[in-house]
Amino acid sequence: NRESMHRAGKGLEREFGTAILLKGGHLPGPDAVDLLFADGQVTEFSSPFVRGVSTHGTGCTYSAAITAGLACRLSLEEAIRRAKKFVTQSIRNHFHWGNLHALNHSI
């Protein structure tokens, strides 16, 4: 739950002295909410949860998109914001083959 995410995120940031991003895509509710803990602040990134689609691989896609944003000299927050939007669109516009789903990375 979100309360546990807040506790864990604050603790990890304090313990390791670095920014921590916790994904909340498996929490109940209408939105997929991720929390960034950086410099003692918490920033929330939210997008509508897309149901009925396999989300296998989204964490890897998300981290790669964040890294690409950082390589383009975006701030951490902006890199996460854009990556979240990219992943959400990739899920929403997924490929469907029979019972299988795959992210659409061509967005």
N, C-alpha and C. Protein backbone atom coordinates (compact mmCIF):
# COMPACT_ATOMS: atom_id res chain seq x y z
N ASN A 1 0.84 -1.19 0.00
CA ASN A 1 0.00 0.00 0.00
C ASN A 1 0.88 1.25 0.00
N ARG A 2 0.26 2.38 -0.21
CA ARG A 2 1.02 3.62 -0.33
C ARG A 2 1.75 4.00 0.96
N GLU A 3 1.11 3.74 2.08
CA GLU A 3 1.76 4.05 3.36
C GLU A 3 3.06 3.25 3.50
N SER A 4 3.02 1.99 3.12
CA SER A 4 4.23 1.16 3.16
C SER A 4 5.28 1.67 2.18
N MET A 5 4.83 2.12 1.02
CA MET A 5 5.76 2.68 0.04
C MET A 5 6.47 3.90 0.62
N HIS A 6 5.71 4.77 1.28
CA HIS A 6 6.31 5.98 1.87
C HIS A 6 7.34 5.60 2.92
N ARG A 7 6.99 4.67 3.78
CA ARG A 7 7.91 4.24 4.83
C ARG A 7 9.18 3.64 4.22
N ALA A 8 8.99 2.73 3.28
CA ALA A 8 10.13 2.06 2.66
C ALA A 8 11.01 3.04 1.89
N GLY A 9 10.38 3.91 1.11
CA GLY A 9 11.13 4.87 0.30
C GLY A 9 11.96 5.82 1.14
N LYS A 10 11.36 6.35 2.18
CA LYS A 10 12.09 7.26 3.07
C LYS A 10 13.25 6.53 3.74
N GLY A 11 12.99 5.30 4.19
CA GLY A 11 14.04 4.53 4.85
C GLY A 11 15.19 4.20 3.91
N LEU A 12 14.88 3.80 2.68
CA LEU A 12 15.93 3.48 1.70
C LEU A 12 16.73 4.71 1.32
N GLU A 13 16.06 5.84 1.12
CA GLU A 13 16.77 7.07 0.78
C GLU A 13 17.72 7.45 1.91
N ARG A 14 17.25 7.36 3.12
CA ARG A 14 18.07 7.70 4.29
C ARG A 14 19.25 6.73 4.41
N GLU A 15 18.98 5.44 4.27
CA GLU A 15 20.02 4.43 4.45
C GLU A 15 21.11 4.49 3.38
N PHE A 16 20.71 4.69 2.13
CA PHE A 16 21.67 4.63 1.03
C PHE A 16 22.10 6.00 0.51
N GLY A 17 21.43 7.07 0.93
CA GLY A 17 21.84 8.42 0.54
C GLY A 17 21.72 8.70 -0.95
N THR A 18 20.73 8.11 -1.58
CA THR A 18 20.53 8.33 -3.01
C THR A 18 19.03 8.36 -3.31
N ALA A 19 18.70 8.84 -4.49
CA ALA A 19 17.29 8.89 -4.90
C ALA A 19 16.75 7.46 -5.04
N ILE A 20 15.50 7.29 -4.66
CA ILE A 20 14.82 6.00 -4.72
C ILE A 20 13.50 6.18 -5.47
N LEU A 21 13.25 5.35 -6.47
CA LEU A 21 11.98 5.36 -7.19
C LEU A 21 11.27 4.05 -6.92
N LEU A 22 10.10 4.13 -6.33
CA LEU A 22 9.30 2.94 -6.06
C LEU A 22 8.11 2.92 -7.01
N LYS A 23 7.94 1.80 -7.71
CA LYS A 23 6.82 1.63 -8.64
C LYS A 23 5.62 1.10 -7.89
N GLY A 24 4.47 1.65 -8.21
CA GLY A 24 3.24 1.21 -7.56
C GLY A 24 2.22 0.63 -8.52
N GLY A 25 2.68 0.07 -9.62
CA GLY A 25 1.78 -0.45 -10.64
C GLY A 25 0.95 -1.65 -10.22
N HIS A 26 1.33 -2.29 -9.12
CA HIS A 26 0.57 -3.46 -8.67
C HIS A 26 -0.35 -3.14 -7.50
N LEU A 27 -0.42 -1.87 -7.13
CA LEU A 27 -1.33 -1.48 -6.05
C LEU A 27 -2.75 -1.42 -6.58
N PRO A 28 -3.73 -1.66 -5.71
CA PRO A 28 -5.13 -1.53 -6.16
C PRO A 28 -5.47 -0.06 -6.42
N GLY A 29 -6.43 0.16 -7.27
CA GLY A 29 -6.87 1.51 -7.55
C GLY A 29 -6.84 1.80 -9.04
N PRO A 30 -7.37 2.96 -9.43
CA PRO A 30 -7.48 3.29 -10.85
C PRO A 30 -6.19 3.80 -11.48
N ASP A 31 -5.20 4.17 -10.65
CA ASP A 31 -3.97 4.75 -11.17
C ASP A 31 -2.75 3.94 -10.78
N ALA A 32 -1.75 3.94 -11.65
CA ALA A 32 -0.43 3.38 -11.34
C ALA A 32 0.39 4.55 -10.81
N VAL A 33 0.71 4.52 -9.54
CA VAL A 33 1.39 5.64 -8.88
C VAL A 33 2.79 5.22 -8.47
N ASP A 34 3.79 5.96 -8.94
CA ASP A 34 5.18 5.73 -8.57
C ASP A 34 5.62 6.90 -7.70
N LEU A 35 6.53 6.62 -6.77
CA LEU A 35 6.99 7.64 -5.84
C LEU A 35 8.50 7.78 -5.93
N LEU A 36 8.97 9.02 -6.11
CA LEU A 36 10.39 9.33 -6.11
C LEU A 36 10.74 9.98 -4.79
N PHE A 37 11.73 9.42 -4.11
CA PHE A 37 12.24 9.97 -2.87
C PHE A 37 13.63 10.52 -3.17
N ALA A 38 13.78 11.84 -3.13
CA ALA A 38 15.06 12.47 -3.46
C ALA A 38 15.20 13.76 -2.67
N ASP A 39 16.35 13.94 -2.06
CA ASP A 39 16.65 15.16 -1.30
C ASP A 39 15.59 15.45 -0.23
N GLY A 40 15.09 14.41 0.40
CA GLY A 40 14.11 14.57 1.47
C GLY A 40 12.71 14.91 1.00
N GLN A 41 12.49 14.94 -0.30
CA GLN A 41 11.18 15.25 -0.88
C GLN A 41 10.59 14.00 -1.53
N VAL A 42 9.27 13.97 -1.63
CA VAL A 42 8.58 12.88 -2.31
C VAL A 42 7.81 13.47 -3.49
N THR A 43 8.06 12.93 -4.68
CA THR A 43 7.36 13.37 -5.88
C THR A 43 6.56 12.19 -6.41
N GLU A 44 5.31 12.45 -6.75
CA GLU A 44 4.40 11.40 -7.22
C GLU A 44 4.24 11.49 -8.73
N PHE A 45 4.30 10.33 -9.37
CA PHE A 45 4.07 10.21 -10.81
C PHE A 45 2.91 9.24 -10.98
N SER A 46 1.85 9.70 -11.63
CA SER A 46 0.63 8.91 -11.71
C SER A 46 0.14 8.84 -13.15
N SER A 47 -0.38 7.68 -13.52
CA SER A 47 -1.02 7.53 -14.82
C SER A 47 -2.15 6.52 -14.66
N PRO A 48 -3.16 6.60 -15.52
CA PRO A 48 -4.26 5.63 -15.43
C PRO A 48 -3.74 4.21 -15.61
N PHE A 49 -4.21 3.31 -14.78
CA PHE A 49 -3.81 1.91 -14.86
C PHE A 49 -4.51 1.26 -16.04
N VAL A 50 -3.75 0.59 -16.89
CA VAL A 50 -4.30 -0.10 -18.05
C VAL A 50 -4.52 -1.56 -17.67
N ARG A 51 -5.76 -1.98 -17.62
CA ARG A 51 -6.09 -3.34 -17.17
C ARG A 51 -6.18 -4.31 -18.35
N GLY A 52 -5.99 -5.58 -18.04
CA GLY A 52 -6.17 -6.63 -19.02
C GLY A 52 -5.02 -6.82 -19.98
N VAL A 53 -3.87 -6.25 -19.66
CA VAL A 53 -2.70 -6.35 -20.53
C VAL A 53 -1.54 -6.88 -19.71
N SER A 54 -0.78 -7.81 -20.28
CA SER A 54 0.42 -8.29 -19.60
C SER A 54 1.44 -7.17 -19.54
N THR A 55 1.92 -6.89 -18.36
CA THR A 55 2.89 -5.80 -18.20
C THR A 55 4.30 -6.34 -17.98
N HIS A 56 4.53 -7.59 -18.34
CA HIS A 56 5.87 -8.16 -18.21
C HIS A 56 6.86 -7.34 -19.03
N GLY A 57 7.95 -6.92 -18.41
CA GLY A 57 8.97 -6.15 -19.10
C GLY A 57 8.86 -4.65 -18.94
N THR A 58 7.80 -4.19 -18.30
CA THR A 58 7.63 -2.74 -18.17
C THR A 58 8.67 -2.11 -17.26
N GLY A 59 9.12 -2.82 -16.25
CA GLY A 59 10.14 -2.26 -15.36
C GLY A 59 11.44 -2.00 -16.09
N CYS A 60 11.83 -2.95 -16.94
CA CYS A 60 13.06 -2.78 -17.74
C CYS A 60 12.90 -1.63 -18.73
N THR A 61 11.73 -1.56 -19.36
CA THR A 61 11.47 -0.48 -20.31
C THR A 61 11.49 0.87 -19.60
N TYR A 62 10.88 0.91 -18.42
CA TYR A 62 10.82 2.14 -17.62
C TYR A 62 12.23 2.61 -17.25
N SER A 63 13.05 1.71 -16.73
CA SER A 63 14.39 2.11 -16.31
C SER A 63 15.24 2.53 -17.51
N ALA A 64 15.08 1.86 -18.66
CA ALA A 64 15.82 2.25 -19.86
C ALA A 64 15.38 3.63 -20.35
N ALA A 65 14.09 3.90 -20.29
CA ALA A 65 13.58 5.20 -20.73
C ALA A 65 14.05 6.32 -19.79
N ILE A 66 14.10 6.04 -18.50
CA ILE A 66 14.62 7.03 -17.54
C ILE A 66 16.09 7.30 -17.84
N THR A 67 16.85 6.24 -18.06
CA THR A 67 18.28 6.39 -18.37
C THR A 67 18.49 7.20 -19.64
N ALA A 68 17.67 6.95 -20.66
CA ALA A 68 17.77 7.71 -21.90
C ALA A 68 17.50 9.19 -21.65
N GLY A 69 16.50 9.48 -20.82
CA GLY A 69 16.21 10.87 -20.48
C GLY A 69 17.36 11.54 -19.75
N LEU A 70 17.97 10.82 -18.82
CA LEU A 70 19.12 11.37 -18.10
C LEU A 70 20.30 11.59 -19.04
N ALA A 71 20.49 10.68 -20.01
CA ALA A 71 21.57 10.84 -20.99
C ALA A 71 21.34 12.07 -21.86
N CYS A 72 20.08 12.46 -22.02
CA CYS A 72 19.74 13.68 -22.78
C CYS A 72 19.74 14.91 -21.89
N ARG A 73 20.27 14.76 -20.68
CA ARG A 73 20.43 15.85 -19.72
C ARG A 73 19.12 16.39 -19.15
N LEU A 74 18.08 15.56 -19.14
CA LEU A 74 16.85 15.94 -18.45
C LEU A 74 17.09 15.82 -16.95
N SER A 75 16.33 16.56 -16.17
CA SER A 75 16.38 16.38 -14.72
C SER A 75 15.83 15.00 -14.40
N LEU A 76 16.14 14.49 -13.22
CA LEU A 76 15.63 13.18 -12.83
C LEU A 76 14.11 13.16 -12.89
N GLU A 77 13.47 14.21 -12.36
CA GLU A 77 12.00 14.26 -12.34
C GLU A 77 11.42 14.26 -13.75
N GLU A 78 12.02 15.05 -14.65
CA GLU A 78 11.50 15.12 -16.02
C GLU A 78 11.75 13.80 -16.76
N ALA A 79 12.90 13.18 -16.52
CA ALA A 79 13.19 11.88 -17.15
C ALA A 79 12.17 10.84 -16.71
N ILE A 80 11.82 10.84 -15.42
CA ILE A 80 10.82 9.90 -14.92
C ILE A 80 9.45 10.21 -15.50
N ARG A 81 9.10 11.48 -15.52
CA ARG A 81 7.79 11.90 -16.05
C ARG A 81 7.61 11.42 -17.50
N ARG A 82 8.63 11.66 -18.32
CA ARG A 82 8.55 11.26 -19.73
C ARG A 82 8.56 9.73 -19.88
N ALA A 83 9.37 9.07 -19.07
CA ALA A 83 9.44 7.60 -19.13
C ALA A 83 8.10 6.99 -18.72
N LYS A 84 7.48 7.55 -17.70
CA LYS A 84 6.17 7.06 -17.24
C LYS A 84 5.14 7.19 -18.36
N LYS A 85 5.16 8.32 -19.04
CA LYS A 85 4.23 8.55 -20.15
C LYS A 85 4.51 7.55 -21.29
N PHE A 86 5.78 7.34 -21.61
CA PHE A 86 6.16 6.40 -22.67
C PHE A 86 5.69 4.98 -22.34
N VAL A 87 5.94 4.54 -21.12
CA VAL A 87 5.56 3.17 -20.73
C VAL A 87 4.04 3.02 -20.73
N THR A 88 3.33 4.02 -20.22
CA THR A 88 1.87 3.96 -20.22
C THR A 88 1.33 3.86 -21.64
N GLN A 89 1.88 4.65 -22.56
CA GLN A 89 1.45 4.59 -23.96
C GLN A 89 1.82 3.25 -24.59
N SER A 90 2.98 2.71 -24.22
CA SER A 90 3.40 1.41 -24.75
C SER A 90 2.46 0.30 -24.30
N ILE A 91 1.98 0.39 -23.07
CA ILE A 91 1.02 -0.59 -22.57
C ILE A 91 -0.33 -0.40 -23.25
N ARG A 92 -0.79 0.84 -23.29
CA ARG A 92 -2.10 1.13 -23.87
C ARG A 92 -2.18 0.71 -25.34
N ASN A 93 -1.09 0.87 -26.07
CA ASN A 93 -1.06 0.56 -27.51
C ASN A 93 -0.36 -0.77 -27.78
N HIS A 94 -0.50 -1.71 -26.87
CA HIS A 94 0.19 -3.00 -26.95
C HIS A 94 -0.21 -3.77 -28.21
N PHE A 95 0.68 -4.69 -28.58
CA PHE A 95 0.39 -5.63 -29.66
C PHE A 95 -0.36 -6.81 -29.06
N HIS A 96 -1.27 -7.37 -29.83
CA HIS A 96 -2.08 -8.49 -29.35
C HIS A 96 -2.05 -9.61 -30.39
N TRP A 97 -1.54 -10.78 -29.97
CA TRP A 97 -1.52 -11.95 -30.83
C TRP A 97 -2.19 -13.09 -30.09
N GLY A 98 -3.42 -13.40 -30.41
CA GLY A 98 -4.14 -14.45 -29.71
C GLY A 98 -4.22 -14.15 -28.23
N ASN A 99 -3.63 -15.00 -27.41
CA ASN A 99 -3.64 -14.81 -25.95
C ASN A 99 -2.48 -13.93 -25.48
N LEU A 100 -1.58 -13.58 -26.37
CA LEU A 100 -0.35 -12.89 -25.96
C LEU A 100 -0.46 -11.39 -26.16
N HIS A 101 0.24 -10.66 -25.29
CA HIS A 101 0.34 -9.21 -25.40
C HIS A 101 1.82 -8.84 -25.37
N ALA A 102 2.18 -7.78 -26.03
CA ALA A 102 3.55 -7.28 -25.97
C ALA A 102 3.51 -5.76 -26.00
N LEU A 103 4.42 -5.15 -25.27
CA LEU A 103 4.51 -3.70 -25.27
C LEU A 103 4.80 -3.20 -26.67
N ASN A 104 4.26 -2.05 -27.00
CA ASN A 104 4.53 -1.41 -28.28
C ASN A 104 5.63 -0.37 -28.04
N HIS A 105 6.87 -0.74 -28.30
CA HIS A 105 8.00 0.16 -28.06
C HIS A 105 8.17 1.19 -29.18
N SER A 106 7.33 1.13 -30.19
CA SER A 106 7.48 2.04 -31.33
C SER A 106 6.74 3.36 -31.13
N ILE A 107 6.22 3.60 -29.94
CA ILE A 107 5.45 4.81 -29.65
C ILE A 107 6.31 6.03 -29.86
